[in-house]
C-alpha atoms as a PDB file:
ATOM      1  CA  MET A   1      75.299  36.281-110.541  1.00  0.00           C
ATOM      2  CA  GLY A   2      76.258  35.184-107.058  1.00  0.00           C
ATOM      3  CA  ARG A   3      76.456  31.701-105.586  1.00  0.00           C
ATOM      4  CA  LEU A   4      73.770  32.601-103.043  1.00  0.00           C
ATOM      5  CA  ASP A   5      71.350  34.653-105.111  1.00  0.00           C
ATOM      6  CA  ASP A   6      67.781  34.567-103.749  1.00  0.00           C
ATOM      7  CA  LYS A   7      68.902  32.885-100.512  1.00  0.00           C
ATOM      8  CA  VAL A   8      68.274  34.209 -97.016  1.00  0.00           C
ATOM      9  CA  ALA A   9      70.992  33.602 -94.431  1.00  0.00           C
ATOM     10  CA  VAL A  10      71.116  34.035 -90.669  1.00  0.00           C
ATOM     11  CA  VAL A  11      74.604  34.451 -89.195  1.00  0.00           C
ATOM     12  CA  THR A  12      74.943  34.576 -85.418  1.00  0.00           C
ATOM     13  CA  GLY A  13      77.851  36.344 -83.781  1.00  0.00           C
ATOM     14  CA  ALA A  14      78.235  38.338 -86.994  1.00  0.00           C
ATOM     15  CA  GLY A  15      79.263  41.659 -85.495  1.00  0.00           C
ATOM     16  CA  ARG A  16      82.973  40.938 -85.560  1.00  0.00           C
ATOM     17  CA  GLY A  17      85.577  38.403 -86.583  1.00  0.00           C
ATOM     18  CA  ILE A  18      84.578  35.192 -88.320  1.00  0.00           C
ATOM     19  CA  GLY A  19      80.840  35.898 -88.263  1.00  0.00           C
ATOM     20  CA  ARG A  20      81.270  39.327 -89.796  1.00  0.00           C
ATOM     21  CA  GLU A  21      83.419  37.957 -92.634  1.00  0.00           C
ATOM     22  CA  ILE A  22      80.833  35.247 -93.332  1.00  0.00           C
ATOM     23  CA  ALA A  23      77.982  37.767 -93.393  1.00  0.00           C
ATOM     24  CA  LEU A  24      79.863  40.093 -95.739  1.00  0.00           C
ATOM     25  CA  LEU A  25      80.859  37.315 -98.138  1.00  0.00           C
ATOM     26  CA  MET A  26      77.372  35.820 -98.222  1.00  0.00           C
ATOM     27  CA  ALA A  27      75.948  39.247 -98.991  1.00  0.00           C
ATOM     28  CA  ARG A  28      78.461  39.712-101.802  1.00  0.00           C
ATOM     29  CA  GLU A  29      77.360  36.340-103.170  1.00  0.00           C
ATOM     30  CA  GLY A  30      73.761  37.562-103.312  1.00  0.00           C
ATOM     31  CA  ALA A  31      72.225  36.400-100.044  1.00  0.00           C
ATOM     32  CA  SER A  32      69.982  38.563 -97.900  1.00  0.00           C
ATOM     33  CA  VAL A  33      71.578  38.388 -94.460  1.00  0.00           C
ATOM     34  CA  VAL A  34      70.311  38.655 -90.896  1.00  0.00           C
ATOM     35  CA  VAL A  35      73.273  39.911 -88.867  1.00  0.00           C
ATOM     36  CA  ASN A  36      72.856  38.710 -85.289  1.00  0.00           C
ATOM     37  CA  ASP A  37      75.092  39.844 -82.435  1.00  0.00           C
ATOM     38  CA  VAL A  38      74.471  41.064 -78.894  1.00  0.00           C
ATOM     39  CA  GLY A  39      77.663  43.092 -79.221  1.00  0.00           C
ATOM     40  CA  GLY A  40      79.155  41.856 -75.977  1.00  0.00           C
ATOM     41  CA  ASN A  41      82.698  41.423 -74.737  1.00  0.00           C
ATOM     42  CA  THR A  42      84.539  38.165 -75.331  1.00  0.00           C
ATOM     43  CA  ASP A  43      83.318  36.864 -71.957  1.00  0.00           C
ATOM     44  CA  GLY A  44      79.699  37.552 -72.907  1.00  0.00           C
ATOM     45  CA  THR A  45      79.210  40.662 -70.769  1.00  0.00           C
ATOM     46  CA  GLY A  46      77.959  43.986 -72.088  1.00  0.00           C
ATOM     47  CA  THR A  47      76.066  44.929 -75.230  1.00  0.00           C
ATOM     48  CA  THR A  48      76.565  47.229 -78.217  1.00  0.00           C
ATOM     49  CA  MET A  49      74.811  47.810 -81.537  1.00  0.00           C
ATOM     50  CA  ILE A  50      77.631  46.292 -83.608  1.00  0.00           C
ATOM     51  CA  ALA A  51      75.097  44.190 -85.566  1.00  0.00           C
ATOM     52  CA  ASP A  52      73.549  47.395 -86.915  1.00  0.00           C
ATOM     53  CA  GLU A  53      76.945  48.558 -88.155  1.00  0.00           C
ATOM     54  CA  VAL A  54      77.597  45.368 -90.112  1.00  0.00           C
ATOM     55  CA  ALA A  55      74.091  45.380 -91.577  1.00  0.00           C
ATOM     56  CA  GLU A  56      74.593  48.977 -92.675  1.00  0.00           C
ATOM     57  CA  GLU A  57      77.947  48.067 -94.205  1.00  0.00           C
ATOM     58  CA  ILE A  58      76.235  45.389 -96.281  1.00  0.00           C
ATOM     59  CA  ARG A  59      73.481  47.769 -97.400  1.00  0.00           C
ATOM     60  CA  ALA A  60      76.022  50.466 -98.272  1.00  0.00           C
ATOM     61  CA  ALA A  61      77.701  47.971-100.584  1.00  0.00           C
ATOM     62  CA  GLY A  62      74.394  47.297-102.338  1.00  0.00           C
ATOM     63  CA  GLY A  63      73.351  44.187-100.411  1.00  0.00           C
ATOM     64  CA  GLN A  64      70.319  43.293 -98.341  1.00  0.00           C
ATOM     65  CA  ALA A  65      70.665  42.974 -94.568  1.00  0.00           C
ATOM     66  CA  ALA A  66      68.781  43.239 -91.304  1.00  0.00           C
ATOM     67  CA  SER A  67      70.201  43.310 -87.791  1.00  0.00           C
ATOM     68  CA  ASN A  68      69.147  41.398 -84.696  1.00  0.00           C
ATOM     69  CA  THR A  69      70.531  41.683 -81.170  1.00  0.00           C
ATOM     70  CA  SER A  70      68.770  38.750 -79.489  1.00  0.00           C
ATOM     71  CA  SER A  71      70.777  36.334 -77.357  1.00  0.00           C
ATOM     72  CA  VAL A  72      71.293  32.863 -78.813  1.00  0.00           C
ATOM     73  CA  ALA A  73      71.512  31.517 -75.244  1.00  0.00           C
ATOM     74  CA  GLU A  74      67.741  31.738 -74.827  1.00  0.00           C
ATOM     75  CA  ALA A  75      65.054  29.840 -76.740  1.00  0.00           C
ATOM     76  CA  ALA A  76      63.122  33.085 -77.223  1.00  0.00           C
ATOM     77  CA  GLY A  77      66.239  34.635 -78.705  1.00  0.00           C
ATOM     78  CA  GLY A  78      66.599  31.885 -81.271  1.00  0.00           C
ATOM     79  CA  GLU A  79      62.947  32.241 -82.205  1.00  0.00           C
ATOM     80  CA  ALA A  80      63.362  36.003 -82.587  1.00  0.00           C
ATOM     81  CA  ILE A  81      66.418  35.630 -84.817  1.00  0.00           C
ATOM     82  CA  VAL A  82      64.622  33.314 -87.238  1.00  0.00           C
ATOM     83  CA  GLN A  83      61.530  35.521 -87.078  1.00  0.00           C
ATOM     84  CA  THR A  84      63.607  38.516 -88.146  1.00  0.00           C
ATOM     85  CA  ALA A  85      64.497  36.664 -91.345  1.00  0.00           C
ATOM     86  CA  LEU A  86      60.895  35.680 -91.989  1.00  0.00           C
ATOM     87  CA  GLU A  87      59.482  39.137 -91.361  1.00  0.00           C
ATOM     88  CA  THR A  88      62.175  40.986 -93.303  1.00  0.00           C
ATOM     89  CA  PHE A  89      62.895  38.675 -96.207  1.00  0.00           C
ATOM     90  CA  GLY A  90      59.956  36.269 -96.276  1.00  0.00           C
ATOM     91  CA  GLY A  91      61.920  33.090 -95.611  1.00  0.00           C
ATOM     92  CA  VAL A  92      65.217  31.613 -94.497  1.00  0.00           C
ATOM     93  CA  ASP A  93      67.513  29.068 -96.165  1.00  0.00           C
ATOM     94  CA  ILE A  94      70.835  29.163 -94.318  1.00  0.00           C
ATOM     95  CA  LEU A  95      71.694  29.169 -90.619  1.00  0.00           C
ATOM     96  CA  VAL A  96      75.274  29.759 -89.507  1.00  0.00           C
ATOM     97  CA  ASN A  97      75.665  29.102 -85.769  1.00  0.00           C
ATOM     98  CA  ASN A  98      78.818  31.064 -85.036  1.00  0.00           C
ATOM     99  CA  ALA A  99      78.185  33.072 -81.848  1.00  0.00           C
ATOM    100  CA  GLY A 100      80.541  32.330 -78.980  1.00  0.00           C
ATOM    101  CA  ILE A 101      82.272  33.571 -75.833  1.00  0.00           C
ATOM    102  CA  LEU A 102      85.287  32.565 -73.756  1.00  0.00           C
ATOM    103  CA  ARG A 103      85.781  32.202 -70.014  1.00  0.00           C
ATOM    104  CA  ASP A 104      89.043  30.300 -69.845  1.00  0.00           C
ATOM    105  CA  LYS A 105      90.106  28.833 -66.507  1.00  0.00           C
ATOM    106  CA  THR A 106      91.490  25.529 -65.319  1.00  0.00           C
ATOM    107  CA  ILE A 107      89.044  23.170 -63.638  1.00  0.00           C
ATOM    108  CA  PHE A 108      90.570  24.138 -60.291  1.00  0.00           C
ATOM    109  CA  LYS A 109      89.355  27.726 -60.655  1.00  0.00           C
ATOM    110  CA  MET A 110      86.358  27.463 -62.974  1.00  0.00           C
ATOM    111  CA  GLU A 111      83.172  28.635 -61.278  1.00  0.00           C
ATOM    112  CA  GLU A 112      79.731  27.263 -62.093  1.00  0.00           C
ATOM    113  CA  ALA A 113      78.826  30.572 -63.729  1.00  0.00           C
ATOM    114  CA  ASP A 114      81.819  30.271 -66.097  1.00  0.00           C
ATOM    115  CA  TRP A 115      80.744  26.780 -67.101  1.00  0.00           C
ATOM    116  CA  ASP A 116      77.081  27.660 -67.530  1.00  0.00           C
ATOM    117  CA  ALA A 117      77.692  30.837 -69.541  1.00  0.00           C
ATOM    118  CA  VAL A 118      79.941  29.160 -72.115  1.00  0.00           C
ATOM    119  CA  LEU A 119      77.713  26.104 -72.522  1.00  0.00           C
ATOM    120  CA  ALA A 120      74.687  28.392 -72.851  1.00  0.00           C
ATOM    121  CA  VAL A 121      76.076  30.501 -75.686  1.00  0.00           C
ATOM    122  CA  HIS A 122      77.817  27.733 -77.605  1.00  0.00           C
ATOM    123  CA  LEU A 123      75.986  24.435 -77.180  1.00  0.00           C
ATOM    124  CA  LYS A 124      72.567  25.653 -76.081  1.00  0.00           C
ATOM    125  CA  GLY A 125      72.861  28.522 -78.554  1.00  0.00           C
ATOM    126  CA  HIS A 126      73.142  26.044 -81.415  1.00  0.00           C
ATOM    127  CA  TYR A 127      69.964  24.350 -80.170  1.00  0.00           C
ATOM    128  CA  CYS A 128      68.064  27.605 -79.625  1.00  0.00           C
ATOM    129  CA  CYS A 129      68.588  28.737 -83.215  1.00  0.00           C
ATOM    130  CA  SER A 130      68.476  25.359 -84.953  1.00  0.00           C
ATOM    131  CA  ARG A 131      65.147  24.251 -83.499  1.00  0.00           C
ATOM    132  CA  PRO A 132      62.987  27.082 -84.930  1.00  0.00           C
ATOM    133  CA  PHE A 133      64.897  26.886 -88.210  1.00  0.00           C
ATOM    134  CA  ALA A 134      64.317  23.123 -88.447  1.00  0.00           C
ATOM    135  CA  ASN A 135      60.621  23.534 -87.630  1.00  0.00           C
ATOM    136  CA  TYR A 136      60.331  26.182 -90.337  1.00  0.00           C
ATOM    137  CA  ILE A 137      61.924  23.821 -92.865  1.00  0.00           C
ATOM    138  CA  ARG A 138      59.550  20.996 -91.958  1.00  0.00           C
ATOM    139  CA  ASP A 139      56.388  23.055 -91.706  1.00  0.00           C
ATOM    140  CA  ASN A 140      56.983  24.856 -95.009  1.00  0.00           C
ATOM    141  CA  ASN A 141      58.695  22.047 -96.921  1.00  0.00           C
ATOM    142  CA  ARG A 142      61.622  24.404 -97.546  1.00  0.00           C
ATOM    143  CA  THR A 143      64.157  22.305 -99.459  1.00  0.00           C
ATOM    144  CA  GLY A 144      67.842  22.857-100.132  1.00  0.00           C
ATOM    145  CA  CYS A 145      68.529  24.475 -96.767  1.00  0.00           C
ATOM    146  CA  ARG A 146      71.811  24.523 -94.864  1.00  0.00           C
ATOM    147  CA  ILE A 147      72.955  24.564 -91.240  1.00  0.00           C
ATOM    148  CA  ILE A 148      76.628  25.270 -90.618  1.00  0.00           C
ATOM    149  CA  ASN A 149      77.800  24.853 -87.039  1.00  0.00           C
ATOM    150  CA  PHE A 150      81.031  25.889 -85.374  1.00  0.00           C
ATOM    151  CA  SER A 151      83.129  23.514 -83.294  1.00  0.00           C
ATOM    152  CA  SER A 152      86.816  23.936 -82.397  1.00  0.00           C
ATOM    153  CA  VAL A 153      90.032  21.992 -82.012  1.00  0.00           C
ATOM    154  CA  SER A 154      89.637  22.791 -78.310  1.00  0.00           C
ATOM    155  CA  GLY A 155      86.765  20.337 -78.234  1.00  0.00           C
ATOM    156  CA  LEU A 156      87.962  17.953 -80.944  1.00  0.00           C
ATOM    157  CA  TYR A 157      91.560  17.713 -79.668  1.00  0.00           C
ATOM    158  CA  GLY A 158      91.399  19.313 -76.222  1.00  0.00           C
ATOM    159  CA  ASN A 159      93.092  22.466 -74.949  1.00  0.00           C
ATOM    160  CA  PHE A 160      94.434  23.339 -71.505  1.00  0.00           C
ATOM    161  CA  GLY A 161      92.249  25.728 -69.534  1.00  0.00           C
ATOM    162  CA  GLN A 162      89.174  25.364 -71.736  1.00  0.00           C
ATOM    163  CA  ALA A 163      87.094  22.596 -70.164  1.00  0.00           C
ATOM    164  CA  ASN A 164      83.870  24.571 -70.595  1.00  0.00           C
ATOM    165  CA  TYR A 165      84.619  25.688 -74.146  1.00  0.00           C
ATOM    166  CA  GLY A 166      85.980  22.275 -75.167  1.00  0.00           C
ATOM    167  CA  ALA A 167      82.960  20.447 -73.770  1.00  0.00           C
ATOM    168  CA  ALA A 168      80.611  22.773 -75.649  1.00  0.00           C
ATOM    169  CA  LYS A 169      82.526  22.464 -78.908  1.00  0.00           C
ATOM    170  CA  ALA A 170      82.712  18.672 -78.687  1.00  0.00           C
ATOM    171  CA  GLY A 171      78.977  18.645 -78.020  1.00  0.00           C
ATOM    172  CA  ILE A 172      78.375  20.739 -81.127  1.00  0.00           C
ATOM    173  CA  ALA A 173      80.098  18.111 -83.280  1.00  0.00           C
ATOM    174  CA  GLY A 174      77.741  15.472 -81.890  1.00  0.00           C
ATOM    175  CA  PHE A 175      74.761  17.794 -82.246  1.00  0.00           C
ATOM    176  CA  THR A 176      75.649  18.252 -85.917  1.00  0.00           C
ATOM    177  CA  ARG A 177      75.732  14.523 -86.604  1.00  0.00           C
ATOM    178  CA  VAL A 178      72.260  14.086 -85.129  1.00  0.00           C
ATOM    179  CA  LEU A 179      70.776  17.056 -86.998  1.00  0.00           C
ATOM    180  CA  ALA A 180      72.244  15.769 -90.256  1.00  0.00           C
ATOM    181  CA  LEU A 181      70.260  12.559 -89.767  1.00  0.00           C
ATOM    182  CA  GLU A 182      67.057  14.262 -88.659  1.00  0.00           C
ATOM    183  CA  LEU A 183      66.979  16.851 -91.448  1.00  0.00           C
ATOM    184  CA  ALA A 184      68.150  14.645 -94.316  1.00  0.00           C
ATOM    185  CA  LYS A 185      64.575  13.870 -95.401  1.00  0.00           C
ATOM    186  CA  TYR A 186      64.035  17.593 -95.937  1.00  0.00           C
ATOM    187  CA  GLY A 187      67.150  17.987 -98.093  1.00  0.00           C
ATOM    188  CA  CYS A 188      68.919  20.109 -95.474  1.00  0.00           C
ATOM    189  CA  THR A 189      72.646  19.538 -95.015  1.00  0.00           C
ATOM    190  CA  VAL A 190      74.283  20.068 -91.617  1.00  0.00           C
ATOM    191  CA  ASN A 191      78.055  20.444 -91.338  1.00  0.00           C
ATOM    192  CA  THR A 192      80.628  21.530 -88.785  1.00  0.00           C
ATOM    193  CA  ILE A 193      83.469  24.015 -89.150  1.00  0.00           C
ATOM    194  CA  SER A 194      86.594  23.729 -87.023  1.00  0.00           C
ATOM    195  CA  PRO A 195      88.187  27.153 -87.563  1.00  0.00           C
ATOM    196  CA  GLY A 196      91.690  28.402 -86.990  1.00  0.00           C
ATOM    197  CA  ALA A 197      91.896  32.190 -87.197  1.00  0.00           C
ATOM    198  CA  LEU A 198      93.280  35.222 -85.456  1.00  0.00           C
ATOM    199  CA  THR A 199      90.356  37.094 -83.925  1.00  0.00           C
ATOM    200  CA  ARG A 200      89.768  39.179 -80.810  1.00  0.00           C
ATOM    201  CA  MET A 201      89.081  35.893 -79.005  1.00  0.00           C
ATOM    202  CA  THR A 202      92.278  34.137 -80.076  1.00  0.00           C
ATOM    203  CA  ILE A 203      94.849  36.938 -80.460  1.00  0.00           C
ATOM    204  CA  PRO A 204      95.303  37.300 -76.659  1.00  0.00           C
ATOM    205  CA  LEU A 205      96.047  33.575 -76.441  1.00  0.00           C
ATOM    206  CA  ARG A 206      98.820  33.956 -78.996  1.00  0.00           C
ATOM    207  CA  GLU A 207     100.194  37.074 -77.339  1.00  0.00           C
ATOM    208  CA  ASN A 208     100.199  35.355 -73.940  1.00  0.00           C
ATOM    209  CA  ARG A 209     102.487  32.736 -75.475  1.00  0.00           C
ATOM    210  CA  GLY A 210     104.897  35.497 -76.461  1.00  0.00           C
ATOM    211  CA  GLU A 211     103.974  35.461 -80.142  1.00  0.00           C
ATOM    212  CA  THR A 212     103.721  38.657 -82.171  1.00  0.00           C
ATOM    213  CA  VAL A 213     100.452  39.321 -83.988  1.00  0.00           C
ATOM    214  CA  ASP A 214     101.009  41.919 -86.686  1.00  0.00           C
ATOM    215  CA  ASP A 215      99.311  42.890 -89.943  1.00  0.00           C
ATOM    216  CA  ASP A 216     101.142  40.154 -91.848  1.00  0.00           C
ATOM    217  CA  ALA A 217      99.846  37.549 -89.393  1.00  0.00           C
ATOM    218  CA  ILE A 218      96.282  38.837 -89.757  1.00  0.00           C
ATOM    219  CA  GLU A 219      96.632  38.734 -93.550  1.00  0.00           C
ATOM    220  CA  ALA A 220      97.807  35.122 -93.429  1.00  0.00           C
ATOM    221  CA  SER A 221      95.458  33.821 -90.759  1.00  0.00           C
ATOM    222  CA  GLY A 222      92.631  36.270 -90.159  1.00  0.00           C
ATOM    223  CA  PRO A 223      88.913  35.400 -90.080  1.00  0.00           C
ATOM    224  CA  GLN A 224      88.583  36.154 -93.792  1.00  0.00           C
ATOM    225  CA  HIS A 225      90.051  32.702 -94.454  1.00  0.00           C
ATOM    226  CA  ILE A 226      87.109  30.959 -92.757  1.00  0.00           C
ATOM    227  CA  ALA A 227      84.282  32.548 -94.733  1.00  0.00           C
ATOM    228  CA  PRO A 228      84.832  30.907 -98.164  1.00  0.00           C
ATOM    229  CA  ILE A 229      84.230  27.289 -97.096  1.00  0.00           C
ATOM    230  CA  VAL A 230      81.131  28.379 -95.167  1.00  0.00           C
ATOM    231  CA  ALA A 231      79.716  30.166 -98.206  1.00  0.00           C
ATOM    232  CA  TRP A 232      80.623  27.233-100.437  1.00  0.00           C
ATOM    233  CA  LEU A 233      78.848  24.727 -98.201  1.00  0.00           C
ATOM    234  CA  ALA A 234      75.813  27.034 -98.168  1.00  0.00           C
ATOM    235  CA  SER A 235      75.695  27.124-101.965  1.00  0.00           C
ATOM    236  CA  GLU A 236      74.302  24.597-104.429  1.00  0.00           C
ATOM    237  CA  ALA A 237      77.790  23.120-104.712  1.00  0.00           C
ATOM    238  CA  GLY A 238      77.424  21.860-101.129  1.00  0.00           C
ATOM    239  CA  ALA A 239      74.287  19.806-101.811  1.00  0.00           C
ATOM    240  CA  GLY A 240      74.693  16.234-100.570  1.00  0.00           C
ATOM    241  CA  ILE A 241      77.660  17.007 -98.331  1.00  0.00           C
ATOM    242  CA  THR A 242      76.474  16.588 -94.773  1.00  0.00           C
ATOM    243  CA  SER A 243      77.612  15.531 -91.292  1.00  0.00           C
ATOM    244  CA  GLU A 244      81.235  16.449 -92.085  1.00  0.00           C
ATOM    245  CA  ILE A 245      83.791  18.444 -90.092  1.00  0.00           C
ATOM    246  CA  PHE A 246      85.894  20.856 -92.144  1.00  0.00           C
ATOM    247  CA  HIS A 247      89.021  22.326 -90.572  1.00  0.00           C
ATOM    248  CA  THR A 248      89.916  25.628 -92.147  1.00  0.00           C
ATOM    249  CA  GLY A 249      92.118  28.660 -91.596  1.00  0.00           C
ATOM    250  CA  TYR A 250      95.676  29.832 -92.181  1.00  0.00           C
ATOM    251  CA  ARG A 251      94.967  29.472 -95.930  1.00  0.00           C
ATOM    252  CA  GLY A 252      94.166  25.774 -95.472  1.00  0.00           C
ATOM    253  CA  VAL A 253      91.016  23.709 -95.959  1.00  0.00           C
ATOM    254  CA  GLY A 254      90.836  20.121 -94.719  1.00  0.00           C
ATOM    255  CA  ILE A 255      88.381  17.459 -93.663  1.00  0.00           C
ATOM    256  CA  MET A 256      88.585  15.789 -90.264  1.00  0.00           C
ATOM    257  CA  GLN A 257      88.075  12.244 -89.070  1.00  0.00           C
ATOM    258  CA  GLN A 258      84.788  11.251 -87.504  1.00  0.00           C
ATOM    259  CA  PRO A 259      84.530   8.790 -84.589  1.00  0.00           C
ATOM    260  CA  ARG A 260      84.877   5.204 -85.792  1.00  0.00           C
ATOM    261  CA  VAL A 261      85.947   1.900 -84.260  1.00  0.00           C
ATOM    262  CA  ILE A 262      89.513   1.374 -85.488  1.00  0.00           C
ATOM    263  CA  LYS A 263      90.049  -2.143 -84.204  1.00  0.00           C
ATOM    264  CA  GLN A 264      87.986  -4.514 -82.080  1.00  0.00           C
ATOM    265  CA  PHE A 265      88.331  -7.910 -80.438  1.00  0.00           C
ATOM    266  CA  LYS A 266      85.311 -10.053 -79.573  1.00  0.00           C
ATOM    267  CA  LYS A 267      85.125 -13.058 -77.272  1.00  0.00           C
ATOM    268  CA  LYS A 268      83.246 -16.127 -78.428  1.00  0.00           C
ATOM    269  CA  GLU A 269      81.653 -16.390 -74.988  1.00  0.00           C
ATOM    270  CA  GLY A 270      81.913 -14.998 -71.460  1.00  0.00           C
ATOM    271  CA  ILE A 271      83.239 -11.612 -70.376  1.00  0.00           C
ATOM    272  CA  TRP A 272      86.729 -10.195 -70.581  1.00  0.00           C
ATOM    273  CA  SER A 273      89.048 -10.979 -67.691  1.00  0.00           C
ATOM    274  CA  LEU A 274      91.521  -8.356 -66.521  1.00  0.00           C
ATOM    275  CA  ASP A 275      94.382 -10.679 -67.496  1.00  0.00           C
ATOM    276  CA  GLU A 276      93.004 -10.890 -71.063  1.00  0.00           C
ATOM    277  CA  LEU A 277      92.708  -7.105 -71.192  1.00  0.00           C
ATOM    278  CA  ASP A 278      96.389  -6.897 -70.245  1.00  0.00           C
ATOM    279  CA  ASN A 279      97.017  -8.303 -73.716  1.00  0.00           C
ATOM    280  CA  ILE A 280      94.176  -6.737 -75.678  1.00  0.00           C
ATOM    281  CA  VAL A 281      94.182  -3.070 -74.602  1.00  0.00           C
ATOM    282  CA  PRO A 282      97.823  -2.351 -75.621  1.00  0.00           C
ATOM    283  CA  GLN A 283      97.014  -3.709 -79.091  1.00  0.00           C
ATOM    284  CA  LEU A 284      94.035  -1.394 -79.339  1.00  0.00           C
ATOM    285  CA  VAL A 285      96.125   1.597 -78.297  1.00  0.00           C
ATOM    286  CA  GLU A 286      98.793   0.713 -80.867  1.00  0.00           C
ATOM    287  CA  ALA A 287      96.110   0.433 -83.553  1.00  0.00           C
ATOM    288  CA  ARG A 288      94.931   3.914 -82.721  1.00  0.00           C
ATOM    289  CA  LYS A 289      98.465   5.282 -82.853  1.00  0.00           C
ATOM    290  CA  ALA A 290      98.964   3.753 -86.300  1.00  0.00           C
ATOM    291  CA  ASN A 291      95.657   5.218 -87.450  1.00  0.00           C
ATOM    292  CA  MET A 292      96.639   8.668 -86.182  1.00  0.00           C
ATOM    293  CA  GLU A 293     100.047   8.474 -87.853  1.00  0.00           C
ATOM    294  CA  ALA A 294      98.385   7.597 -91.151  1.00  0.00           C
ATOM    295  CA  ALA A 295      95.942  10.478 -90.732  1.00  0.00           C
ATOM    296  CA  ASP A 296      98.773  12.882 -89.935  1.00  0.00           C
ATOM    297  CA  THR A 297     100.581  11.801 -93.101  1.00  0.00           C
ATOM    298  CA  GLU A 298      97.487  12.097 -95.301  1.00  0.00           C
ATOM    299  CA  GLY A 299      96.521  15.352 -93.607  1.00  0.00           C
ATOM    300  CA  SER A 300      99.748  17.148 -94.417  1.00  0.00           C
ATOM    301  CA  SER A 301      99.185  20.260 -96.495  1.00  0.00           C
ATOM    302  CA  ILE A 302      99.158  20.116-100.296  1.00  0.00           C
ATOM    303  CA  GLU A 303      99.927  23.511-101.801  1.00  0.00           C
ATOM    304  CA  VAL A 304      97.715  24.514-104.712  1.00  0.00           C
END
């Protein structure tokens, strides 16, 4: 018996890396899987039939899989991906929005096309796939469904040279919070993953910093470490857990803070003067620093 028996999952960007590991694990846990991937390069150019290869790998291992090569960056592509699940397996229960590309440049050199392409695949891609899935849930009263989105520390913390990617990933966190509210009445949970893993997208970044990426590094921090929390959230064990951000990778699993007001001052009447803000704003900044220090302490790793 698997954790995902009788479930149908769609995994975008599942031809390689994190998506592939998620698709393989979900299949091993009993899910029928739609493997979606255009098979492009890390910058989104080009196409291959890598999705077919992963689907065949799942079938060769005794699982159920179908491939789809539609682009998540287009509404028609999202519709086609969900339709593949419906036509092949008769339904869909789990959507993993994982597909992504990189076009890293500083704001001084980033062209409009670089911005648009990254936002289209990441942020718009989440919309393009989530909308038909959400409509299917509502129209068919499909309960117990899951959406698992992918953000990044680049958007949650910020990262030099990734304004397009960071903006998209921050947007995905906000998108997740809204979907969690809108789909709650249908019993669908919506969560965010902030992954840390060595993949074809991240290995060059490490190597450019002069770090060595060998087999031991891949073993300790490869994409296989991301898949378990995704599969767990997709299972019955994840029921009721929604609108959260889980940071995972490098053999760690953690939960991240969500935006909240840490400290606030209110005037009894009138508006703030600049002289009053001279006193108030430094106190607010210090409150945030104390909050972050407490989070850093609580967020230190506990070995199990």
